[in-house]
N, C-alpha and C. Protein backbone atom coordinates (compact mmCIF):
# COMPACT_ATOMS: atom_id res chain seq x y z
N UNK A 1 109.09 112.09 71.83
CA UNK A 1 107.70 111.75 72.65
C UNK A 1 108.41 110.58 73.34
N UNK A 2 108.17 110.28 74.61
CA UNK A 2 108.28 109.25 75.59
C UNK A 2 107.09 108.27 75.20
N UNK A 3 107.05 106.93 74.95
CA UNK A 3 106.01 106.04 75.07
C UNK A 3 106.15 104.98 76.28
N UNK A 4 105.26 104.82 77.16
CA UNK A 4 105.41 103.67 78.10
C UNK A 4 104.68 102.43 78.05
N UNK A 5 105.07 101.80 78.14
CA UNK A 5 104.50 100.21 78.58
C UNK A 5 104.89 99.78 79.42
N UNK A 6 103.55 99.34 80.14
CA UNK A 6 103.60 99.00 81.84
C UNK A 6 103.09 97.71 81.80
N UNK A 7 103.56 96.99 82.68
CA UNK A 7 103.09 95.66 83.10
C UNK A 7 103.37 95.43 84.39
N UNK A 8 102.08 94.41 84.94
CA UNK A 8 102.36 94.08 86.41
C UNK A 8 102.97 92.72 85.94
N UNK A 9 104.01 92.01 86.73
CA UNK A 9 104.72 90.70 86.90
C UNK A 9 104.57 90.30 88.03
N UNK A 10 104.12 88.93 88.02
CA UNK A 10 104.28 88.03 89.19
C UNK A 10 105.03 86.60 88.91
N UNK A 11 106.02 86.75 89.62
CA UNK A 11 107.31 85.74 89.43
C UNK A 11 107.00 84.25 90.44
N UNK A 12 107.47 83.35 90.49
CA UNK A 12 107.33 82.42 91.37
C UNK A 12 108.34 80.92 90.72
N UNK A 13 108.65 80.28 91.48
CA UNK A 13 109.36 79.38 90.94
C UNK A 13 108.51 77.96 91.86
N UNK A 14 107.64 78.04 92.09
CA UNK A 14 107.09 77.13 92.94
C UNK A 14 105.95 76.34 92.40
N UNK A 15 105.21 77.26 91.28
CA UNK A 15 103.95 76.66 90.84
C UNK A 15 104.09 77.14 89.04
N UNK A 16 102.94 76.25 88.19
CA UNK A 16 103.01 76.47 87.06
C UNK A 16 102.00 77.82 86.44
N UNK A 17 102.79 78.32 85.47
CA UNK A 17 101.54 79.58 84.58
C UNK A 17 100.05 79.01 85.00
N UNK A 18 99.50 77.87 84.58
CA UNK A 18 97.90 77.78 84.93
C UNK A 18 97.82 77.49 86.44
N UNK A 19 98.53 77.33 86.87
CA UNK A 19 98.38 77.13 88.53
C UNK A 19 98.17 78.49 89.15
N UNK A 20 99.07 79.57 88.66
CA UNK A 20 99.34 80.54 89.08
C UNK A 20 98.19 81.82 88.63
N UNK A 21 97.46 81.28 87.26
CA UNK A 21 96.75 82.02 86.71
C UNK A 21 95.26 81.62 87.39
N UNK A 22 95.12 80.28 87.65
CA UNK A 22 93.93 79.88 88.13
C UNK A 22 93.55 80.35 89.70
N UNK A 23 94.80 80.55 90.30
CA UNK A 23 94.47 81.38 91.76
C UNK A 23 94.46 82.82 91.68
N UNK A 24 95.15 83.66 90.42
CA UNK A 24 94.56 85.07 90.48
C UNK A 24 93.40 85.40 89.62
N UNK A 25 92.85 84.40 88.95
CA UNK A 25 91.23 84.35 88.53
C UNK A 25 91.41 85.11 87.17
N UNK A 26 92.68 85.26 86.68
CA UNK A 26 92.66 86.44 85.12
C UNK A 26 93.94 85.94 84.49
N UNK A 27 93.49 85.61 83.27
CA UNK A 27 94.29 85.48 82.53
C UNK A 27 95.47 86.20 81.96
N UNK A 28 96.50 85.87 81.80
CA UNK A 28 97.70 87.21 82.16
C UNK A 28 97.55 87.31 80.20
N UNK A 29 98.34 88.57 80.12
CA UNK A 29 98.65 89.03 78.69
C UNK A 29 99.47 88.15 78.09
N UNK A 30 100.82 87.57 78.95
CA UNK A 30 101.93 86.79 78.58
C UNK A 30 102.49 86.17 79.57
N UNK A 31 102.95 85.00 79.60
CA UNK A 31 103.53 84.45 80.78
C UNK A 31 104.30 82.93 80.46
N UNK A 32 105.12 82.68 81.21
CA UNK A 32 105.41 80.96 80.74
C UNK A 32 105.74 80.29 82.23
N UNK A 33 105.86 79.13 82.18
CA UNK A 33 106.25 78.25 83.49
C UNK A 33 107.49 78.03 83.55
N UNK A 34 107.77 77.63 84.67
CA UNK A 34 109.32 77.19 84.97
C UNK A 34 109.49 76.07 84.13
N UNK A 35 110.75 76.19 83.49
CA UNK A 35 110.92 74.89 82.63
C UNK A 35 110.82 75.06 81.35
N UNK A 36 109.82 76.46 80.93
CA UNK A 36 109.72 76.18 79.68
C UNK A 36 110.89 76.83 78.69
N UNK A 37 110.88 76.27 77.44
CA UNK A 37 112.26 77.02 76.71
C UNK A 37 111.53 77.98 75.73
N UNK A 38 112.30 79.13 75.55
CA UNK A 38 111.72 80.29 75.11
C UNK A 38 111.62 80.02 73.22
N UNK A 39 111.01 80.44 72.35
CA UNK A 39 110.98 80.20 71.26
C UNK A 39 111.04 81.61 70.46
N UNK A 40 110.69 82.41 71.26
CA UNK A 40 110.64 83.91 70.38
C UNK A 40 110.86 84.74 71.13
N UNK A 41 110.31 86.08 70.71
CA UNK A 41 110.48 87.55 71.54
C UNK A 41 111.77 87.44 72.43
N UNK A 42 111.65 88.51 73.48
CA UNK A 42 112.70 89.07 74.20
C UNK A 42 113.82 88.13 74.96
N UNK A 43 113.07 86.80 75.09
CA UNK A 43 113.61 85.72 75.75
C UNK A 43 114.35 85.12 75.06
N UNK A 44 114.41 84.79 73.27
CA UNK A 44 114.82 83.96 72.34
C UNK A 44 116.15 83.42 72.63
N UNK A 45 116.53 84.23 73.17
CA UNK A 45 118.45 84.02 73.19
C UNK A 45 118.55 82.95 74.16
N UNK A 46 117.49 82.72 75.16
CA UNK A 46 118.09 81.62 75.88
C UNK A 46 117.61 80.24 75.52
N UNK A 47 118.39 79.53 75.54
CA UNK A 47 118.34 77.81 75.11
C UNK A 47 118.24 76.64 75.95
N UNK A 48 118.10 77.38 77.48
CA UNK A 48 117.50 76.49 78.62
C UNK A 48 116.78 76.81 78.86
N UNK A 49 115.83 76.05 79.81
CA UNK A 49 114.75 76.02 80.43
C UNK A 49 114.49 77.18 81.33
N UNK A 50 113.63 78.06 81.74
CA UNK A 50 113.40 79.07 82.33
C UNK A 50 113.35 78.90 83.91
N UNK A 51 113.97 79.58 84.42
CA UNK A 51 114.27 79.12 86.01
C UNK A 51 112.85 79.75 86.58
N UNK A 52 112.03 80.25 86.21
CA UNK A 52 110.82 80.77 86.97
C UNK A 52 109.48 80.76 85.92
N UNK A 53 108.18 80.94 86.91
CA UNK A 53 107.21 80.95 86.12
C UNK A 53 107.09 82.71 86.53
N UNK A 54 106.49 83.13 85.08
CA UNK A 54 106.15 84.53 85.01
C UNK A 54 104.96 84.75 84.76
N UNK A 55 104.17 85.35 85.47
CA UNK A 55 102.50 86.09 85.02
C UNK A 55 102.72 87.36 84.52
N UNK A 56 102.45 87.80 83.43
CA UNK A 56 102.64 89.16 82.94
C UNK A 56 101.19 89.97 82.47
N UNK A 57 100.79 90.86 83.30
CA UNK A 57 99.39 91.65 82.49
C UNK A 57 100.04 92.89 82.02
N UNK A 58 99.66 93.50 80.95
CA UNK A 58 99.80 94.49 80.29
C UNK A 58 98.79 95.47 80.83
N UNK A 59 99.25 96.80 80.55
CA UNK A 59 98.04 97.60 80.56
C UNK A 59 97.59 97.89 79.09
N UNK A 60 96.40 98.38 79.03
CA UNK A 60 95.70 98.44 77.90
C UNK A 60 95.63 100.01 77.41
N UNK A 61 96.23 100.34 78.10
CA UNK A 61 96.16 102.46 77.61
C UNK A 61 96.95 102.41 76.48
N UNK A 62 96.78 103.46 75.97
CA UNK A 62 97.86 103.70 74.83
C UNK A 62 99.20 104.15 75.53
N UNK A 63 100.04 104.10 74.89
CA UNK A 63 101.41 104.20 75.31
C UNK A 63 101.95 105.77 75.06
N UNK A 64 101.17 106.58 75.03
CA UNK A 64 101.35 108.00 75.01
C UNK A 64 100.45 108.38 76.50
N UNK A 65 99.70 107.51 77.12
CA UNK A 65 98.91 107.91 78.14
C UNK A 65 100.08 108.04 79.21
N UNK A 66 99.68 108.86 79.91
CA UNK A 66 100.49 108.97 81.64
C UNK A 66 100.75 107.78 82.53
N UNK A 67 101.59 107.79 83.14
CA UNK A 67 102.17 106.63 84.10
C UNK A 67 100.81 106.21 84.82
N UNK A 68 100.48 107.07 85.56
CA UNK A 68 98.99 106.85 86.51
C UNK A 68 97.92 106.42 85.82
N UNK A 69 97.59 106.72 84.74
CA UNK A 69 96.73 106.06 83.92
C UNK A 69 96.66 104.43 83.78
N UNK A 70 98.25 104.26 83.04
CA UNK A 70 98.48 102.89 83.17
C UNK A 70 98.51 102.12 84.45
N UNK A 71 98.83 102.70 85.51
CA UNK A 71 98.35 101.63 86.79
C UNK A 71 96.87 101.71 87.13
N UNK A 72 96.18 102.60 87.03
CA UNK A 72 94.84 102.43 87.28
C UNK A 72 94.30 101.57 86.07
N UNK A 73 95.05 101.53 85.14
CA UNK A 73 94.17 100.38 84.01
C UNK A 73 94.22 99.41 84.72
N UNK A 74 96.04 98.85 85.17
CA UNK A 74 95.94 97.66 85.66
C UNK A 74 95.19 97.41 86.86
N UNK A 75 95.21 98.40 87.75
CA UNK A 75 94.36 97.87 88.89
C UNK A 75 92.97 97.90 88.92
N UNK A 76 92.36 98.55 87.84
CA UNK A 76 91.02 98.01 87.35
C UNK A 76 90.80 96.72 86.95
N UNK A 77 91.78 96.14 86.30
CA UNK A 77 91.47 94.67 86.07
C UNK A 77 92.10 93.57 86.72
N UNK A 78 93.11 94.16 87.78
CA UNK A 78 92.97 93.11 89.01
C UNK A 78 93.33 94.17 90.29
N UNK A 79 92.44 94.17 90.98
CA UNK A 79 92.83 95.39 92.23
C UNK A 79 93.49 94.81 92.88
N UNK A 80 94.46 95.82 93.64
CA UNK A 80 95.62 95.50 94.50
C UNK A 80 94.93 94.52 95.68
N UNK A 81 93.72 95.29 96.28
CA UNK A 81 93.33 94.90 97.33
C UNK A 81 92.71 93.08 97.35
N UNK A 82 92.23 93.01 95.84
CA UNK A 82 91.97 91.47 95.40
C UNK A 82 93.38 90.49 95.13
N UNK A 83 94.43 91.43 94.72
CA UNK A 83 95.66 90.75 95.17
C UNK A 83 96.03 90.36 96.15
N UNK A 84 96.00 91.26 97.10
CA UNK A 84 96.49 91.10 98.17
C UNK A 84 95.54 89.92 99.28
N UNK A 85 94.52 89.98 98.85
CA UNK A 85 93.47 89.00 99.97
C UNK A 85 93.89 87.42 99.00
N UNK A 86 94.82 87.28 97.83
CA UNK A 86 94.78 86.11 97.22
C UNK A 86 96.05 85.53 97.54
N UNK A 87 96.89 86.48 98.47
CA UNK A 87 98.48 86.07 98.59
C UNK A 87 98.60 85.01 99.26
N UNK A 88 97.87 84.65 100.11
CA UNK A 88 98.01 83.70 101.29
C UNK A 88 97.92 81.98 100.53
N UNK A 89 96.92 82.53 99.49
CA UNK A 89 96.80 81.26 98.20
C UNK A 89 98.01 80.93 97.59
N UNK A 90 98.87 82.25 97.57
CA UNK A 90 100.46 81.84 96.44
C UNK A 90 101.55 81.35 97.40
N UNK A 91 102.66 80.80 96.35
CA UNK A 91 103.81 80.46 97.16
C UNK A 91 104.20 81.47 97.81
N UNK A 92 105.36 80.75 98.73
CA UNK A 92 106.24 82.21 99.67
C UNK A 92 107.06 82.74 98.63
N UNK A 93 107.36 81.84 97.45
CA UNK A 93 108.71 82.73 96.83
C UNK A 93 107.84 83.96 96.09
N UNK A 94 107.12 83.97 95.95
CA UNK A 94 106.24 85.15 94.94
C UNK A 94 107.13 86.71 95.14
N UNK A 95 107.28 87.10 94.17
CA UNK A 95 108.00 88.28 93.75
C UNK A 95 106.77 89.00 92.42
N UNK A 96 107.04 90.18 93.05
CA UNK A 96 105.82 91.14 92.14
C UNK A 96 106.50 92.34 91.81
N UNK A 97 106.36 92.85 90.54
CA UNK A 97 107.20 93.73 89.99
C UNK A 97 106.24 94.75 89.44
N UNK A 98 106.50 95.81 89.20
CA UNK A 98 105.29 97.07 88.22
C UNK A 98 106.73 97.07 87.59
N UNK A 99 106.91 96.72 85.86
CA UNK A 99 107.66 97.35 85.27
C UNK A 99 107.17 98.70 84.43
N UNK A 100 108.05 99.36 84.15
CA UNK A 100 108.17 100.68 83.14
C UNK A 100 108.97 100.46 82.36
N UNK A 101 108.54 100.66 80.89
CA UNK A 101 109.46 100.64 79.88
C UNK A 101 108.86 101.87 78.98
N UNK A 102 110.31 102.60 79.06
CA UNK A 102 110.23 104.02 78.23
C UNK A 102 110.84 103.98 77.51
N UNK A 103 110.10 104.26 76.21
CA UNK A 103 111.08 104.43 74.78
C UNK A 103 110.80 105.59 74.29
N UNK A 104 112.00 106.42 73.63
CA UNK A 104 111.55 107.59 73.28
C UNK A 104 112.75 107.66 71.60
N UNK A 105 112.45 108.90 71.20
CA UNK A 105 113.12 109.05 69.86
C UNK A 105 114.08 109.87 69.82
N UNK A 106 115.48 109.65 70.70
CA UNK A 106 116.08 110.44 70.69
C UNK A 106 116.15 111.71 71.82
N UNK A 107 115.31 112.19 71.84
CA UNK A 107 114.74 113.44 72.92
C UNK A 107 114.79 112.96 74.14
N UNK A 108 115.31 113.72 75.00
CA UNK A 108 115.52 113.62 76.34
C UNK A 108 114.18 112.84 77.00
N UNK A 109 114.05 112.09 77.46
CA UNK A 109 113.28 110.92 78.20
C UNK A 109 112.92 111.51 79.55
N UNK A 110 111.47 111.53 79.98
CA UNK A 110 111.10 111.57 81.52
C UNK A 110 110.21 110.90 81.98
N UNK A 111 110.06 110.60 83.12
CA UNK A 111 109.08 109.75 83.56
C UNK A 111 108.27 110.64 84.99
N UNK A 112 107.37 111.07 84.98
CA UNK A 112 106.42 111.93 85.99
C UNK A 112 105.63 110.48 86.62
N UNK A 113 106.53 110.29 88.04
CA UNK A 113 105.52 109.43 88.98
C UNK A 113 105.41 109.93 89.96
N UNK A 114 103.66 110.31 90.04
CA UNK A 114 103.05 111.01 90.87
C UNK A 114 102.53 110.38 92.18
N UNK A 115 102.56 110.72 92.91
CA UNK A 115 101.90 109.94 94.04
C UNK A 115 101.09 108.90 94.34
N UNK A 116 99.96 109.21 93.16
CA UNK A 116 99.18 107.93 93.23
C UNK A 116 99.46 106.77 92.74
N UNK A 117 100.59 107.14 91.77
CA UNK A 117 101.12 105.89 91.37
C UNK A 117 101.76 105.12 92.01
N UNK A 118 102.62 106.03 92.79
CA UNK A 118 103.50 105.48 93.69
C UNK A 118 102.31 104.49 94.83
N UNK A 119 101.48 104.97 95.04
CA UNK A 119 100.17 104.37 95.85
C UNK A 119 99.65 102.76 95.37
N UNK A 120 99.77 103.14 94.08
CA UNK A 120 99.25 101.57 93.31
C UNK A 120 100.57 100.55 93.28
N UNK A 121 101.73 100.83 93.21
CA UNK A 121 102.73 100.28 92.96
C UNK A 121 102.79 99.40 94.48
N UNK A 122 102.77 99.97 95.67
CA UNK A 122 102.83 99.81 97.22
C UNK A 122 101.75 99.09 97.25
N UNK A 123 100.56 98.99 96.85
CA UNK A 123 99.25 98.44 97.17
C UNK A 123 99.47 96.76 96.66
N UNK A 124 100.11 96.81 95.53
CA UNK A 124 100.41 95.43 95.00
C UNK A 124 101.95 94.67 95.36
N UNK A 125 102.68 95.61 96.54
CA UNK A 125 103.54 95.58 97.52
C UNK A 125 104.65 94.74 96.59
N UNK A 126 104.74 95.48 95.57
CA UNK A 126 105.56 95.24 94.17
C UNK A 126 106.94 95.98 94.40
N UNK A 127 107.86 95.59 93.55
CA UNK A 127 109.35 96.46 93.39
C UNK A 127 109.04 97.41 91.94
N UNK A 128 109.21 98.20 92.20
CA UNK A 128 109.14 99.19 90.66
C UNK A 128 110.48 99.08 89.64
N UNK A 129 110.57 98.64 88.65
CA UNK A 129 111.29 98.52 87.70
C UNK A 129 111.28 99.49 86.39
N UNK A 130 112.40 100.07 86.10
CA UNK A 130 112.26 101.44 85.39
C UNK A 130 113.50 101.10 84.21
N UNK A 131 113.01 100.84 83.01
CA UNK A 131 113.86 100.56 81.86
C UNK A 131 113.41 101.64 80.54
N UNK A 132 114.79 102.11 80.07
CA UNK A 132 114.69 103.57 79.17
C UNK A 132 115.37 102.91 77.86
N UNK A 133 114.80 102.81 76.67
CA UNK A 133 115.19 102.56 75.35
C UNK A 133 115.15 103.68 74.18
N UNK A 134 115.81 103.52 73.57
CA UNK A 134 115.84 104.42 72.33
C UNK A 134 114.73 103.65 71.32
N UNK A 135 113.94 104.19 70.57
CA UNK A 135 112.70 104.11 70.01
C UNK A 135 113.27 103.57 68.61
N UNK A 136 114.79 103.64 68.31
CA UNK A 136 115.16 103.42 66.93
C UNK A 136 116.02 102.29 67.03
N UNK A 137 116.22 101.79 68.35
CA UNK A 137 117.10 100.49 68.69
C UNK A 137 116.53 99.29 68.50
N UNK A 138 116.68 98.53 67.52
CA UNK A 138 116.22 97.07 67.09
C UNK A 138 116.14 96.50 68.22
N UNK A 139 117.08 96.23 69.12
CA UNK A 139 117.00 95.36 70.07
C UNK A 139 116.45 95.74 71.29
N UNK A 140 115.90 96.89 71.59
CA UNK A 140 115.66 97.37 72.70
C UNK A 140 116.29 97.20 73.66
N UNK A 141 117.50 97.36 73.70
CA UNK A 141 118.22 97.31 74.72
C UNK A 141 118.69 98.57 75.69
N UNK A 142 118.29 98.08 77.34
CA UNK A 142 118.06 99.05 78.00
C UNK A 142 119.61 100.28 78.07
N UNK A 143 119.07 101.60 78.26
CA UNK A 143 120.27 102.79 78.10
C UNK A 143 120.77 102.92 79.35
N UNK A 144 119.73 102.88 80.17
CA UNK A 144 120.33 103.20 81.95
C UNK A 144 120.08 101.74 82.73
N UNK A 145 119.72 101.19 82.11
CA UNK A 145 119.76 99.67 83.24
C UNK A 145 118.27 99.85 84.05
N UNK A 146 118.15 98.77 85.04
CA UNK A 146 117.13 99.00 85.82
C UNK A 146 117.32 99.81 87.01
N UNK A 147 116.33 100.62 87.44
CA UNK A 147 116.50 101.66 88.64
C UNK A 147 115.32 101.28 89.28
N UNK A 148 115.57 100.30 90.63
CA UNK A 148 114.56 99.56 91.45
C UNK A 148 114.19 100.41 92.60
N UNK A 149 113.18 100.34 93.07
CA UNK A 149 113.27 100.80 94.21
C UNK A 149 111.87 99.90 95.03
N UNK A 150 112.24 99.63 96.26
CA UNK A 150 111.75 98.62 97.15
C UNK A 150 110.61 99.07 97.82
């Protein structure tokens, strides 16, 4: 069975996490400021300050839910139209991504991307990132890398 973990990621090199959070008006699920040195998690291998601020909002849907349900959950918490109206208050170097992490237990994995899902990604003006992982892989290394669509 394929499990999905979906997040909306907003990155910038110009402002801190607290400044970005204040503009967006919503606390992230996770994040860091430019210059922070990670102490754990996926970034623990970095020993130097991080080059950018990341504000990350995770979908609160179950990992077995379809992609469009995850994206609708994100859009409910931070509506794309609200996000777009805030862009004028955000730095010019802002990068927005919707990340799809798919893990599976050795079976063929696939992700159906319905038109409604793409509409939500496009409404954020985001890049779509897709990573696939073997569920038993402790390091969660991507098996196919990133597939990006602009």
